[in-house]
Amino acid sequence: MFSIYGVTGQVFSGTLEEMNRVRALSRARSARILEKEGVEAISSAASRPTDEAVRAYRAMLPPEIERGPLYLAEQIMQRRVIAVIDDDDVALAWRILRDNQIRQAPVLDGSTKLVGIVSERDLLTAINIDSGQIVDALSRRVRDVMTTPVVAAAPVTDIRRIAAVMLDHGVDGAPITNESGRLMGFVSRSDILRAVVTDPPLSLWR
């Protein structure tokens, strides 16, 4: 199950197939349509799964996820997540990424709701680095350079589907959120690769 979060809140919740259909419809529209209108189109086209569908999905999950083959995001996600606030200045955000040796971070608003994701590449559009130190920076906030909306996954999402979203959207990670939109973890490309290499038994690619 995937969700899309933007500065106005959750704008989509559904399966990977539903999300791809919405994106396909959005791409077919005129290139002159404003980004805001695209978000509204996603919101109006998306529908939440019924309670029956959710129960059926959960009934298919293995009863014990702590042992055995790796299937789900919650089995490999980083539970200690470094996040930045949308009102942080870009220099502070860059230092947070550098000090924690990460290349990207989820972005939260003042009420700790997920609103985007920011990467080193995004921040470097507003700061100048020399020998690992900030030489100068534009007067920009994280909200000015972050990527939004952002695709997030539920903890029980199949890892293969998260990998597909990363490839399709050209991102290196996916925030993991619960049903209320609270940030629970983060799955990076490195987490998936590490699981493939070091954490057998695996059933990721069957």
C-alpha atoms as a PDB file:
ATOM      1  CA  MET A   1       0.000   0.000   0.000  1.00  0.00           C
ATOM      2  CA  PHE A   2       1.333   3.419  -0.994  1.00  0.00           C
ATOM      3  CA  SER A   3       0.449   6.998  -0.111  1.00  0.00           C
ATOM      4  CA  ILE A   4       1.475  10.326  -1.566  1.00  0.00           C
ATOM      5  CA  TYR A   5       2.017  13.272   0.776  1.00  0.00           C
ATOM      6  CA  GLY A   6       2.393  16.921  -0.131  1.00  0.00           C
ATOM      7  CA  VAL A   7       2.226  20.267   1.616  1.00  0.00           C
ATOM      8  CA  THR A   8      -1.576  20.015   1.716  1.00  0.00           C
ATOM      9  CA  GLY A   9      -1.506  16.578   3.338  1.00  0.00           C
ATOM     10  CA  GLN A  10      -2.249  13.132   1.947  1.00  0.00           C
ATOM     11  CA  VAL A  11      -3.321  13.306  -1.684  1.00  0.00           C
ATOM     12  CA  PHE A  12      -3.372   9.602  -2.569  1.00  0.00           C
ATOM     13  CA  SER A  13      -3.706   6.215  -0.899  1.00  0.00           C
ATOM     14  CA  GLY A  14      -3.876   2.938  -2.779  1.00  0.00           C
ATOM     15  CA  THR A  15      -2.024   0.145  -4.517  1.00  0.00           C
ATOM     16  CA  LEU A  16       0.985   0.458  -6.803  1.00  0.00           C
ATOM     17  CA  GLU A  17      -1.214  -0.322  -9.808  1.00  0.00           C
ATOM     18  CA  GLU A  18      -3.688   2.418  -8.873  1.00  0.00           C
ATOM     19  CA  MET A  19      -0.858   4.893  -8.383  1.00  0.00           C
ATOM     20  CA  ASN A  20       0.646   4.032 -11.767  1.00  0.00           C
ATOM     21  CA  ARG A  21      -2.746   4.436 -13.472  1.00  0.00           C
ATOM     22  CA  VAL A  22      -3.168   7.854 -11.911  1.00  0.00           C
ATOM     23  CA  ARG A  23       0.334   8.861 -13.024  1.00  0.00           C
ATOM     24  CA  ALA A  24      -0.370   7.606 -16.556  1.00  0.00           C
ATOM     25  CA  LEU A  25      -3.536   9.699 -16.746  1.00  0.00           C
ATOM     26  CA  SER A  26      -1.681  12.702 -15.376  1.00  0.00           C
ATOM     27  CA  ARG A  27       1.121  12.352 -17.957  1.00  0.00           C
ATOM     28  CA  ALA A  28      -1.423  12.198 -20.780  1.00  0.00           C
ATOM     29  CA  ARG A  29      -2.775  15.637 -19.870  1.00  0.00           C
ATOM     30  CA  SER A  30      -1.395  18.841 -21.347  1.00  0.00           C
ATOM     31  CA  ALA A  31       2.149  19.776 -20.325  1.00  0.00           C
ATOM     32  CA  ARG A  32       0.825  23.248 -19.597  1.00  0.00           C
ATOM     33  CA  ILE A  33      -1.242  22.074 -16.603  1.00  0.00           C
ATOM     34  CA  LEU A  34       0.072  23.536 -13.385  1.00  0.00           C
ATOM     35  CA  GLU A  35       1.630  21.245 -10.784  1.00  0.00           C
ATOM     36  CA  LYS A  36      -1.106  22.181  -8.345  1.00  0.00           C
ATOM     37  CA  GLU A  37      -3.748  20.953 -10.759  1.00  0.00           C
ATOM     38  CA  GLY A  38      -1.832  17.680 -11.132  1.00  0.00           C
ATOM     39  CA  VAL A  39      -1.974  17.126  -7.384  1.00  0.00           C
ATOM     40  CA  GLU A  40      -5.690  17.820  -7.379  1.00  0.00           C
ATOM     41  CA  ALA A  41      -6.148  15.289 -10.180  1.00  0.00           C
ATOM     42  CA  ILE A  42      -4.372  12.631  -8.129  1.00  0.00           C
ATOM     43  CA  SER A  43      -6.546  13.447  -5.146  1.00  0.00           C
ATOM     44  CA  SER A  44      -9.814  13.236  -7.040  1.00  0.00           C
ATOM     45  CA  ALA A  45      -8.894  10.057  -8.933  1.00  0.00           C
ATOM     46  CA  ALA A  46      -7.667   8.163  -5.886  1.00  0.00           C
ATOM     47  CA  SER A  47      -9.956   6.093  -3.725  1.00  0.00           C
ATOM     48  CA  ARG A  48      -9.224   4.509  -0.395  1.00  0.00           C
ATOM     49  CA  PRO A  49      -9.414   0.715  -0.192  1.00  0.00           C
ATOM     50  CA  THR A  50     -12.473  -0.756   1.444  1.00  0.00           C
ATOM     51  CA  ASP A  51     -12.232  -2.337   4.890  1.00  0.00           C
ATOM     52  CA  GLU A  52     -12.875  -5.703   3.261  1.00  0.00           C
ATOM     53  CA  ALA A  53      -9.929  -5.239   0.894  1.00  0.00           C
ATOM     54  CA  VAL A  54      -7.644  -4.236   3.753  1.00  0.00           C
ATOM     55  CA  ARG A  55      -8.683  -7.305   5.783  1.00  0.00           C
ATOM     56  CA  ALA A  56      -8.109  -9.554   2.778  1.00  0.00           C
ATOM     57  CA  TYR A  57      -4.652  -8.044   2.219  1.00  0.00           C
ATOM     58  CA  ARG A  58      -3.669  -8.489   5.858  1.00  0.00           C
ATOM     59  CA  ALA A  59      -4.978 -12.061   5.865  1.00  0.00           C
ATOM     60  CA  MET A  60      -2.464 -12.872   3.136  1.00  0.00           C
ATOM     61  CA  LEU A  61       0.491 -11.687   5.228  1.00  0.00           C
ATOM     62  CA  PRO A  62       2.672 -14.246   6.995  1.00  0.00           C
ATOM     63  CA  PRO A  63       1.696 -14.467  10.686  1.00  0.00           C
ATOM     64  CA  GLU A  64       5.329 -14.247  11.799  1.00  0.00           C
ATOM     65  CA  ILE A  65       7.479 -11.598  10.146  1.00  0.00           C
ATOM     66  CA  GLU A  66      10.439 -11.543  12.522  1.00  0.00           C
ATOM     67  CA  ARG A  67      11.825 -14.790  11.109  1.00  0.00           C
ATOM     68  CA  GLY A  68      11.998 -16.415   7.733  1.00  0.00           C
ATOM     69  CA  PRO A  69      12.141 -14.853   4.273  1.00  0.00           C
ATOM     70  CA  LEU A  70      12.173 -11.082   3.841  1.00  0.00           C
ATOM     71  CA  TYR A  71       9.022  -9.713   2.268  1.00  0.00           C
ATOM     72  CA  LEU A  72       7.983  -6.475   3.930  1.00  0.00           C
ATOM     73  CA  ALA A  73       9.267  -2.957   4.483  1.00  0.00           C
ATOM     74  CA  GLU A  74       9.043  -3.216   8.264  1.00  0.00           C
ATOM     75  CA  GLN A  75      11.535  -6.084   8.212  1.00  0.00           C
ATOM     76  CA  ILE A  76      14.351  -4.006   6.731  1.00  0.00           C
ATOM     77  CA  MET A  77      13.409  -0.358   7.318  1.00  0.00           C
ATOM     78  CA  GLN A  78      15.507   2.012   9.403  1.00  0.00           C
ATOM     79  CA  ARG A  79      13.462   2.754  12.510  1.00  0.00           C
ATOM     80  CA  ARG A  80      15.635   5.630  13.675  1.00  0.00           C
ATOM     81  CA  VAL A  81      14.869   8.177  10.986  1.00  0.00           C
ATOM     82  CA  ILE A  82      16.719  11.463  10.586  1.00  0.00           C
ATOM     83  CA  ALA A  83      14.222  14.060   9.358  1.00  0.00           C
ATOM     84  CA  VAL A  84      14.380  17.786   8.721  1.00  0.00           C
ATOM     85  CA  ILE A  85      11.715  20.448   9.128  1.00  0.00           C
ATOM     86  CA  ASP A  86      10.345  22.304   6.128  1.00  0.00           C
ATOM     87  CA  ASP A  87      11.167  25.643   7.793  1.00  0.00           C
ATOM     88  CA  ASP A  88      14.861  24.743   8.359  1.00  0.00           C
ATOM     89  CA  ASP A  89      17.283  26.791   6.302  1.00  0.00           C
ATOM     90  CA  VAL A  90      19.150  24.872   3.616  1.00  0.00           C
ATOM     91  CA  ALA A  91      22.528  25.217   5.340  1.00  0.00           C
ATOM     92  CA  LEU A  92      21.214  23.579   8.523  1.00  0.00           C
ATOM     93  CA  ALA A  93      19.602  20.768   6.533  1.00  0.00           C
ATOM     94  CA  TRP A  94      22.861  20.108   4.671  1.00  0.00           C
ATOM     95  CA  ARG A  95      24.775  19.907   7.968  1.00  0.00           C
ATOM     96  CA  ILE A  96      22.206  17.438   9.340  1.00  0.00           C
ATOM     97  CA  LEU A  97      22.678  15.189   6.317  1.00  0.00           C
ATOM     98  CA  ARG A  98      26.461  15.508   6.469  1.00  0.00           C
ATOM     99  CA  ASP A  99      26.727  14.890  10.224  1.00  0.00           C
ATOM    100  CA  ASN A 100      24.551  11.778   9.996  1.00  0.00           C
ATOM    101  CA  GLN A 101      26.258  10.539   6.815  1.00  0.00           C
ATOM    102  CA  ILE A 102      23.035  10.297   4.838  1.00  0.00           C
ATOM    103  CA  ARG A 103      22.162  11.605   1.380  1.00  0.00           C
ATOM    104  CA  GLN A 104      18.469  12.284   1.844  1.00  0.00           C
ATOM    105  CA  ALA A 105      15.906  12.864   4.567  1.00  0.00           C
ATOM    106  CA  PRO A 106      12.121  13.028   4.907  1.00  0.00           C
ATOM    107  CA  VAL A 107      10.733  16.523   5.434  1.00  0.00           C
ATOM    108  CA  LEU A 108       8.142  17.183   8.146  1.00  0.00           C
ATOM    109  CA  ASP A 109       6.030  20.253   8.742  1.00  0.00           C
ATOM    110  CA  GLY A 110       5.517  21.974  12.091  1.00  0.00           C
ATOM    111  CA  SER A 111       2.960  19.346  13.139  1.00  0.00           C
ATOM    112  CA  THR A 112       5.385  16.494  12.233  1.00  0.00           C
ATOM    113  CA  LYS A 113       3.387  15.476   9.162  1.00  0.00           C
ATOM    114  CA  LEU A 114       5.312  14.184   6.142  1.00  0.00           C
ATOM    115  CA  VAL A 115       5.332  16.787   3.352  1.00  0.00           C
ATOM    116  CA  GLY A 116       8.320  15.921   1.184  1.00  0.00           C
ATOM    117  CA  ILE A 117      11.836  14.577   0.888  1.00  0.00           C
ATOM    118  CA  VAL A 118      15.101  16.459   0.408  1.00  0.00           C
ATOM    119  CA  SER A 119      18.415  15.190  -0.939  1.00  0.00           C
ATOM    120  CA  GLU A 120      21.951  16.481  -1.148  1.00  0.00           C
ATOM    121  CA  ARG A 121      21.300  17.285  -4.805  1.00  0.00           C
ATOM    122  CA  ASP A 122      18.307  19.420  -3.858  1.00  0.00           C
ATOM    123  CA  LEU A 123      20.266  21.334  -1.213  1.00  0.00           C
ATOM    124  CA  LEU A 124      23.228  21.939  -3.500  1.00  0.00           C
ATOM    125  CA  THR A 125      20.990  24.061  -5.726  1.00  0.00           C
ATOM    126  CA  ALA A 126      20.997  26.654  -2.938  1.00  0.00           C
ATOM    127  CA  ILE A 127      24.394  26.283  -1.258  1.00  0.00           C
ATOM    128  CA  ASN A 128      28.002  26.394  -2.389  1.00  0.00           C
ATOM    129  CA  ILE A 129      30.352  23.801  -0.877  1.00  0.00           C
ATOM    130  CA  ASP A 130      34.134  23.890  -0.899  1.00  0.00           C
ATOM    131  CA  SER A 131      36.248  21.175   0.781  1.00  0.00           C
ATOM    132  CA  GLY A 132      33.199  19.917   2.657  1.00  0.00           C
ATOM    133  CA  GLN A 133      32.334  23.323   4.099  1.00  0.00           C
ATOM    134  CA  ILE A 134      29.582  25.782   3.217  1.00  0.00           C
ATOM    135  CA  VAL A 135      31.081  28.817   1.488  1.00  0.00           C
ATOM    136  CA  ASP A 136      27.808  30.645   0.916  1.00  0.00           C
ATOM    137  CA  ALA A 137      24.112  29.861   0.777  1.00  0.00           C
ATOM    138  CA  LEU A 138      21.034  31.437  -0.721  1.00  0.00           C
ATOM    139  CA  SER A 139      18.298  32.549   1.635  1.00  0.00           C
ATOM    140  CA  ARG A 140      16.215  29.429   1.114  1.00  0.00           C
ATOM    141  CA  ARG A 141      14.220  27.094   3.323  1.00  0.00           C
ATOM    142  CA  VAL A 142      13.956  23.352   2.901  1.00  0.00           C
ATOM    143  CA  ARG A 143      10.423  23.798   1.587  1.00  0.00           C
ATOM    144  CA  ASP A 144      11.861  25.802  -1.319  1.00  0.00           C
ATOM    145  CA  VAL A 145      14.085  22.985  -2.612  1.00  0.00           C
ATOM    146  CA  MET A 146      12.476  19.748  -1.381  1.00  0.00           C
ATOM    147  CA  THR A 147      10.714  17.233  -3.605  1.00  0.00           C
ATOM    148  CA  THR A 148       6.968  17.193  -3.011  1.00  0.00           C
ATOM    149  CA  PRO A 149       4.634  15.342  -3.218  1.00  0.00           C
ATOM    150  CA  VAL A 150       6.508  12.316  -1.898  1.00  0.00           C
ATOM    151  CA  VAL A 151       5.545   8.650  -2.214  1.00  0.00           C
ATOM    152  CA  ALA A 152       5.424   6.763   1.108  1.00  0.00           C
ATOM    153  CA  ALA A 153       4.730   3.095   1.777  1.00  0.00           C
ATOM    154  CA  ALA A 154       2.966   1.219   4.558  1.00  0.00           C
ATOM    155  CA  PRO A 155       5.069  -1.041   6.824  1.00  0.00           C
ATOM    156  CA  VAL A 156       3.456  -4.144   5.295  1.00  0.00           C
ATOM    157  CA  THR A 157       4.354  -3.215   1.705  1.00  0.00           C
ATOM    158  CA  ASP A 158       6.203  -5.814  -0.358  1.00  0.00           C
ATOM    159  CA  ILE A 159       9.861  -4.813  -0.736  1.00  0.00           C
ATOM    160  CA  ARG A 160       9.768  -5.551  -4.458  1.00  0.00           C
ATOM    161  CA  ARG A 161       7.035  -2.959  -4.919  1.00  0.00           C
ATOM    162  CA  ILE A 162       9.054  -0.352  -3.050  1.00  0.00           C
ATOM    163  CA  ALA A 163      12.011  -1.110  -5.316  1.00  0.00           C
ATOM    164  CA  ALA A 164       9.735  -0.659  -8.341  1.00  0.00           C
ATOM    165  CA  VAL A 165       8.603   2.751  -7.060  1.00  0.00           C
ATOM    166  CA  MET A 166      12.214   3.836  -6.501  1.00  0.00           C
ATOM    167  CA  LEU A 167      13.088   2.925 -10.088  1.00  0.00           C
ATOM    168  CA  ASP A 168       9.955   4.447 -11.563  1.00  0.00           C
ATOM    169  CA  HIS A 169      10.228   7.733  -9.647  1.00  0.00           C
ATOM    170  CA  GLY A 170      14.008   7.993  -9.767  1.00  0.00           C
ATOM    171  CA  VAL A 171      14.407   8.228  -5.992  1.00  0.00           C
ATOM    172  CA  ASP A 172      16.816   6.492  -3.627  1.00  0.00           C
ATOM    173  CA  GLY A 173      14.444   5.833  -0.748  1.00  0.00           C
ATOM    174  CA  ALA A 174      10.879   5.719   0.521  1.00  0.00           C
ATOM    175  CA  PRO A 175       9.451   6.937   3.842  1.00  0.00           C
ATOM    176  CA  ILE A 176       7.364   4.373   5.714  1.00  0.00           C
ATOM    177  CA  THR A 177       4.184   5.714   7.345  1.00  0.00           C
ATOM    178  CA  ASN A 178       1.339   4.227   9.351  1.00  0.00           C
ATOM    179  CA  GLU A 179      -2.376   4.606   8.595  1.00  0.00           C
ATOM    180  CA  SER A 180      -2.501   8.051  10.203  1.00  0.00           C
ATOM    181  CA  GLY A 181       0.443   9.304   8.163  1.00  0.00           C
ATOM    182  CA  ARG A 182       2.948   9.212  11.031  1.00  0.00           C
ATOM    183  CA  LEU A 183       6.537   8.557   9.954  1.00  0.00           C
ATOM    184  CA  MET A 184       7.553   5.092  11.143  1.00  0.00           C
ATOM    185  CA  GLY A 185      10.757   4.391   9.246  1.00  0.00           C
ATOM    186  CA  PHE A 186      12.669   4.725   6.004  1.00  0.00           C
ATOM    187  CA  VAL A 187      13.767   2.226   3.349  1.00  0.00           C
ATOM    188  CA  SER A 188      16.722   3.237   1.223  1.00  0.00           C
ATOM    189  CA  ARG A 189      18.239   1.630  -1.845  1.00  0.00           C
ATOM    190  CA  SER A 190      21.112   0.537   0.401  1.00  0.00           C
ATOM    191  CA  ASP A 191      18.700  -1.214   2.792  1.00  0.00           C
ATOM    192  CA  ILE A 192      17.308  -3.310  -0.047  1.00  0.00           C
ATOM    193  CA  LEU A 193      20.735  -4.142  -1.441  1.00  0.00           C
ATOM    194  CA  ARG A 194      22.020  -5.018   2.041  1.00  0.00           C
ATOM    195  CA  ALA A 195      19.085  -7.372   2.561  1.00  0.00           C
ATOM    196  CA  VAL A 196      19.736  -9.089  -0.760  1.00  0.00           C
ATOM    197  CA  VAL A 197      23.419  -9.593   0.044  1.00  0.00           C
ATOM    198  CA  THR A 198      23.539 -10.298   3.769  1.00  0.00           C
ATOM    199  CA  ASP A 199      20.169 -11.381   5.149  1.00  0.00           C
ATOM    200  CA  PRO A 200      19.134 -14.803   3.785  1.00  0.00           C
ATOM    201  CA  PRO A 201      16.776 -16.544   3.445  1.00  0.00           C
ATOM    202  CA  LEU A 202      15.362 -14.209   0.803  1.00  0.00           C
ATOM    203  CA  SER A 203      12.219 -14.384  -1.276  1.00  0.00           C
ATOM    204  CA  LEU A 204      12.492 -10.937  -2.833  1.00  0.00           C
ATOM    205  CA  TRP A 205      12.875 -11.982  -6.435  1.00  0.00           C
ATOM    206  CA  ARG A 206      10.838 -15.147  -6.788  1.00  0.00           C
END
